[in-house]
Amino acid sequence: MDLGRDPAWNQWNAARGAASPPGGESMHAATARAVRHIEAAAGEAPLLCVSHCDIIRGVVAYYLGLATDRLLAFDIDPASLTELLLHGDGSGRVVTLNERPL
């Protein structure tokens, strides 16, 4: 099936914060789940998480205070590194974004 012809797929790409992909969860729900996991696992030592680009975008957007519909405003390439510094109070900042190791 050509996803470009699927109205649900097109709606999801136009409004990721409110829509869900066909048979899936909304980006808002997926991001919330990822943030809960990261914050539960975070401690004094660095934590490495590996995920798909949209989940990484969602987590970065969460800590930057961006709406979920703004996820496509920045790139996350395959095998790139994004580093966050979490402050322990639910806030954080982006240290590096979409860095490509040599």
N, C-alpha and C. Protein backbone atom coordinates (compact mmCIF):
# COMPACT_ATOMS: atom_id res chain seq x y z
N MET A 1 0.84 -1.19 0.00
CA MET A 1 0.00 0.00 0.00
C MET A 1 0.88 1.25 0.00
N ASP A 2 0.51 2.22 -0.80
CA ASP A 2 1.21 3.49 -0.86
C ASP A 2 0.72 4.36 0.29
N LEU A 3 1.58 4.58 1.28
CA LEU A 3 1.17 5.36 2.45
C LEU A 3 0.77 6.78 2.09
N GLY A 4 1.33 7.33 1.03
CA GLY A 4 0.99 8.69 0.61
C GLY A 4 -0.48 8.86 0.26
N ARG A 5 -1.16 7.77 0.01
CA ARG A 5 -2.59 7.83 -0.32
C ARG A 5 -3.48 7.52 0.88
N ASP A 6 -2.88 7.21 2.00
CA ASP A 6 -3.65 6.86 3.20
C ASP A 6 -3.94 8.14 3.99
N PRO A 7 -5.22 8.55 4.12
CA PRO A 7 -5.55 9.79 4.84
C PRO A 7 -5.06 9.78 6.30
N ALA A 8 -5.09 8.63 6.97
CA ALA A 8 -4.62 8.56 8.36
C ALA A 8 -3.12 8.83 8.44
N TRP A 9 -2.36 8.33 7.47
CA TRP A 9 -0.91 8.57 7.43
C TRP A 9 -0.63 10.05 7.20
N ASN A 10 -1.34 10.64 6.26
CA ASN A 10 -1.16 12.06 5.97
C ASN A 10 -1.56 12.94 7.15
N GLN A 11 -2.62 12.57 7.85
CA GLN A 11 -3.04 13.31 9.04
C GLN A 11 -1.97 13.22 10.13
N TRP A 12 -1.40 12.03 10.30
CA TRP A 12 -0.35 11.85 11.32
C TRP A 12 0.85 12.72 11.01
N ASN A 13 1.26 12.81 9.77
CA ASN A 13 2.40 13.64 9.41
C ASN A 13 2.10 15.13 9.51
N ALA A 14 0.84 15.50 9.35
CA ALA A 14 0.47 16.92 9.44
C ALA A 14 0.28 17.38 10.88
N ALA A 15 -0.14 16.48 11.75
CA ALA A 15 -0.46 16.86 13.15
C ALA A 15 0.00 15.77 14.09
N ARG A 16 1.30 15.60 14.21
CA ARG A 16 1.84 14.50 15.02
C ARG A 16 1.47 14.59 16.49
N GLY A 17 1.19 15.76 16.98
CA GLY A 17 0.83 15.89 18.39
C GLY A 17 -0.52 15.32 18.73
N ALA A 18 -1.44 15.32 17.78
CA ALA A 18 -2.81 14.91 18.06
C ALA A 18 -3.20 13.61 17.37
N ALA A 19 -2.59 13.32 16.24
CA ALA A 19 -2.99 12.16 15.45
C ALA A 19 -2.11 10.96 15.78
N SER A 20 -2.57 9.79 15.38
CA SER A 20 -1.81 8.56 15.54
C SER A 20 -1.59 7.94 14.17
N PRO A 21 -0.44 7.29 13.96
CA PRO A 21 -0.26 6.59 12.70
C PRO A 21 -1.23 5.40 12.66
N PRO A 22 -1.53 4.92 11.50
CA PRO A 22 -2.46 3.78 11.42
C PRO A 22 -1.99 2.62 12.31
N GLY A 23 -2.83 2.25 13.28
CA GLY A 23 -2.52 1.14 14.18
C GLY A 23 -1.51 1.45 15.26
N GLY A 24 -1.15 2.71 15.47
CA GLY A 24 -0.11 3.04 16.44
C GLY A 24 -0.55 4.06 17.47
N GLU A 25 0.40 4.50 18.27
CA GLU A 25 0.13 5.49 19.30
C GLU A 25 0.55 6.87 18.83
N SER A 26 0.03 7.90 19.46
CA SER A 26 0.39 9.27 19.08
C SER A 26 1.84 9.55 19.47
N MET A 27 2.45 10.52 18.80
CA MET A 27 3.81 10.92 19.16
C MET A 27 3.85 11.47 20.58
N HIS A 28 2.79 12.15 20.98
CA HIS A 28 2.74 12.66 22.35
C HIS A 28 2.84 11.50 23.35
N ALA A 29 2.07 10.44 23.12
CA ALA A 29 2.10 9.28 24.02
C ALA A 29 3.45 8.57 23.96
N ALA A 30 4.00 8.39 22.78
CA ALA A 30 5.30 7.73 22.64
C ALA A 30 6.41 8.54 23.30
N THR A 31 6.37 9.86 23.12
CA THR A 31 7.37 10.73 23.75
C THR A 31 7.25 10.68 25.27
N ALA A 32 6.04 10.74 25.78
CA ALA A 32 5.83 10.67 27.24
C ALA A 32 6.39 9.37 27.80
N ARG A 33 6.17 8.27 27.09
CA ARG A 33 6.68 6.98 27.53
C ARG A 33 8.21 6.98 27.53
N ALA A 34 8.83 7.53 26.50
CA ALA A 34 10.29 7.59 26.42
C ALA A 34 10.87 8.49 27.51
N VAL A 35 10.26 9.64 27.75
CA VAL A 35 10.75 10.56 28.79
C VAL A 35 10.64 9.90 30.17
N ARG A 36 9.53 9.21 30.44
CA ARG A 36 9.40 8.50 31.73
C ARG A 36 10.51 7.47 31.90
N HIS A 37 10.80 6.73 30.84
CA HIS A 37 11.85 5.72 30.90
C HIS A 37 13.22 6.36 31.16
N ILE A 38 13.53 7.41 30.42
CA ILE A 38 14.82 8.08 30.58
C ILE A 38 14.97 8.64 31.98
N GLU A 39 13.94 9.31 32.47
CA GLU A 39 14.03 9.91 33.80
C GLU A 39 14.11 8.86 34.90
N ALA A 40 13.46 7.72 34.71
CA ALA A 40 13.53 6.64 35.71
C ALA A 40 14.91 5.99 35.71
N ALA A 41 15.55 5.92 34.54
CA ALA A 41 16.85 5.26 34.43
C ALA A 41 18.01 6.20 34.71
N ALA A 42 17.78 7.51 34.65
CA ALA A 42 18.86 8.49 34.81
C ALA A 42 19.41 8.44 36.23
N GLY A 43 20.68 8.65 36.32
CA GLY A 43 21.36 8.69 37.62
C GLY A 43 22.60 9.56 37.50
N GLU A 44 23.59 9.24 38.32
CA GLU A 44 24.83 10.00 38.30
C GLU A 44 25.68 9.67 37.07
N ALA A 45 25.65 8.43 36.63
CA ALA A 45 26.47 8.01 35.49
C ALA A 45 25.75 8.35 34.19
N PRO A 46 26.51 8.55 33.12
CA PRO A 46 25.87 8.78 31.82
C PRO A 46 25.00 7.59 31.42
N LEU A 47 23.97 7.86 30.68
CA LEU A 47 23.02 6.85 30.22
C LEU A 47 22.97 6.91 28.70
N LEU A 48 23.14 5.77 28.06
CA LEU A 48 23.05 5.71 26.60
C LEU A 48 21.73 5.07 26.22
N CYS A 49 20.95 5.77 25.41
CA CYS A 49 19.68 5.24 24.89
C CYS A 49 19.79 5.21 23.38
N VAL A 50 19.28 4.16 22.78
CA VAL A 50 19.27 4.01 21.33
C VAL A 50 17.82 3.89 20.89
N SER A 51 17.44 4.69 19.91
CA SER A 51 16.04 4.68 19.48
C SER A 51 15.93 5.17 18.04
N HIS A 52 14.70 5.15 17.55
CA HIS A 52 14.40 5.67 16.23
C HIS A 52 14.40 7.20 16.27
N CYS A 53 14.60 7.81 15.10
CA CYS A 53 14.76 9.26 15.03
C CYS A 53 13.55 10.02 15.56
N ASP A 54 12.33 9.56 15.30
CA ASP A 54 11.16 10.31 15.77
C ASP A 54 11.05 10.32 17.28
N ILE A 55 11.43 9.23 17.94
CA ILE A 55 11.41 9.21 19.41
C ILE A 55 12.47 10.17 19.95
N ILE A 56 13.65 10.17 19.34
CA ILE A 56 14.70 11.10 19.75
C ILE A 56 14.22 12.53 19.55
N ARG A 57 13.61 12.80 18.40
CA ARG A 57 13.05 14.14 18.16
C ARG A 57 12.03 14.51 19.23
N GLY A 58 11.17 13.57 19.57
CA GLY A 58 10.15 13.84 20.58
C GLY A 58 10.74 14.17 21.93
N VAL A 59 11.76 13.43 22.33
CA VAL A 59 12.41 13.68 23.63
C VAL A 59 13.12 15.03 23.61
N VAL A 60 13.82 15.33 22.53
CA VAL A 60 14.49 16.63 22.41
C VAL A 60 13.45 17.75 22.46
N ALA A 61 12.38 17.61 21.71
CA ALA A 61 11.32 18.64 21.71
C ALA A 61 10.74 18.82 23.11
N TYR A 62 10.56 17.72 23.82
CA TYR A 62 10.03 17.81 25.20
C TYR A 62 10.93 18.70 26.06
N TYR A 63 12.23 18.43 26.05
CA TYR A 63 13.14 19.21 26.90
C TYR A 63 13.37 20.63 26.40
N LEU A 64 13.11 20.88 25.13
CA LEU A 64 13.20 22.25 24.60
C LEU A 64 11.89 23.01 24.74
N GLY A 65 10.83 22.31 25.15
CA GLY A 65 9.53 22.96 25.28
C GLY A 65 8.84 23.19 23.94
N LEU A 66 9.19 22.40 22.93
CA LEU A 66 8.57 22.54 21.61
C LEU A 66 7.33 21.66 21.52
N ALA A 67 6.35 22.11 20.78
CA ALA A 67 5.15 21.31 20.54
C ALA A 67 5.52 20.09 19.70
N THR A 68 4.81 19.00 19.91
CA THR A 68 5.06 17.76 19.17
C THR A 68 4.92 17.97 17.66
N ASP A 69 4.07 18.88 17.25
CA ASP A 69 3.91 19.15 15.82
C ASP A 69 5.15 19.78 15.19
N ARG A 70 6.12 20.18 16.01
CA ARG A 70 7.35 20.82 15.50
C ARG A 70 8.50 19.82 15.34
N LEU A 71 8.22 18.52 15.44
CA LEU A 71 9.28 17.51 15.40
C LEU A 71 10.09 17.52 14.11
N LEU A 72 9.48 17.87 13.02
CA LEU A 72 10.20 17.84 11.75
C LEU A 72 10.98 19.13 11.49
N ALA A 73 11.08 20.00 12.50
CA ALA A 73 11.82 21.26 12.36
C ALA A 73 13.33 21.05 12.49
N PHE A 74 13.74 19.86 12.93
CA PHE A 74 15.17 19.56 13.03
C PHE A 74 15.40 18.10 12.65
N ASP A 75 16.62 17.81 12.23
CA ASP A 75 16.96 16.48 11.74
C ASP A 75 17.62 15.64 12.82
N ILE A 76 17.34 14.35 12.77
CA ILE A 76 18.07 13.36 13.53
C ILE A 76 18.43 12.27 12.51
N ASP A 77 19.71 12.19 12.17
CA ASP A 77 20.17 11.25 11.16
C ASP A 77 20.45 9.88 11.77
N PRO A 78 20.42 8.83 10.95
CA PRO A 78 20.78 7.50 11.43
C PRO A 78 22.20 7.51 12.02
N ALA A 79 22.37 6.83 13.13
CA ALA A 79 23.66 6.67 13.81
C ALA A 79 24.23 7.99 14.33
N SER A 80 23.41 9.03 14.46
CA SER A 80 23.89 10.30 15.01
C SER A 80 23.77 10.26 16.53
N LEU A 81 24.44 11.20 17.16
CA LEU A 81 24.43 11.31 18.62
C LEU A 81 23.76 12.61 19.03
N THR A 82 22.88 12.51 20.00
CA THR A 82 22.26 13.68 20.61
C THR A 82 22.47 13.53 22.11
N GLU A 83 23.00 14.55 22.74
CA GLU A 83 23.30 14.48 24.17
C GLU A 83 22.42 15.47 24.93
N LEU A 84 21.80 14.97 25.98
CA LEU A 84 20.97 15.79 26.86
C LEU A 84 21.59 15.84 28.24
N LEU A 85 21.43 16.94 28.91
CA LEU A 85 21.82 17.08 30.31
C LEU A 85 20.53 17.27 31.10
N LEU A 86 20.20 16.28 31.93
CA LEU A 86 18.98 16.35 32.73
C LEU A 86 19.32 16.91 34.10
N HIS A 87 18.43 17.74 34.63
CA HIS A 87 18.69 18.43 35.89
C HIS A 87 18.04 17.77 37.10
N GLY A 88 17.25 16.72 36.92
CA GLY A 88 16.65 16.02 38.03
C GLY A 88 15.31 16.59 38.48
N ASP A 89 14.92 17.72 37.94
CA ASP A 89 13.64 18.34 38.30
C ASP A 89 12.66 18.30 37.14
N GLY A 90 12.93 17.42 36.16
CA GLY A 90 12.07 17.34 34.98
C GLY A 90 12.49 18.28 33.86
N SER A 91 13.54 19.06 34.10
CA SER A 91 14.04 19.95 33.06
C SER A 91 15.35 19.40 32.52
N GLY A 92 15.76 19.92 31.41
CA GLY A 92 17.02 19.50 30.82
C GLY A 92 17.39 20.45 29.70
N ARG A 93 18.55 20.19 29.13
CA ARG A 93 18.98 21.01 28.00
C ARG A 93 19.71 20.12 27.00
N VAL A 94 19.70 20.56 25.76
CA VAL A 94 20.37 19.84 24.69
C VAL A 94 21.83 20.28 24.65
N VAL A 95 22.74 19.32 24.77
CA VAL A 95 24.17 19.61 24.71
C VAL A 95 24.67 19.48 23.28
N THR A 96 24.31 18.40 22.61
CA THR A 96 24.62 18.21 21.19
C THR A 96 23.37 17.68 20.50
N LEU A 97 23.23 18.01 19.23
CA LEU A 97 22.07 17.57 18.45
C LEU A 97 22.54 17.03 17.11
N ASN A 98 22.19 15.77 16.82
CA ASN A 98 22.43 15.18 15.52
C ASN A 98 23.92 15.18 15.14
N GLU A 99 24.78 14.95 16.12
CA GLU A 99 26.22 14.93 15.87
C GLU A 99 26.60 13.61 15.19
N ARG A 100 27.38 13.72 14.14
CA ARG A 100 27.82 12.53 13.40
C ARG A 100 29.23 12.15 13.82
N PRO A 101 29.40 10.99 14.44
CA PRO A 101 30.76 10.57 14.82
C PRO A 101 31.60 10.30 13.58
N LEU A 102 32.89 10.52 13.70
CA LEU A 102 33.80 10.30 12.56
C LEU A 102 34.10 8.84 12.39
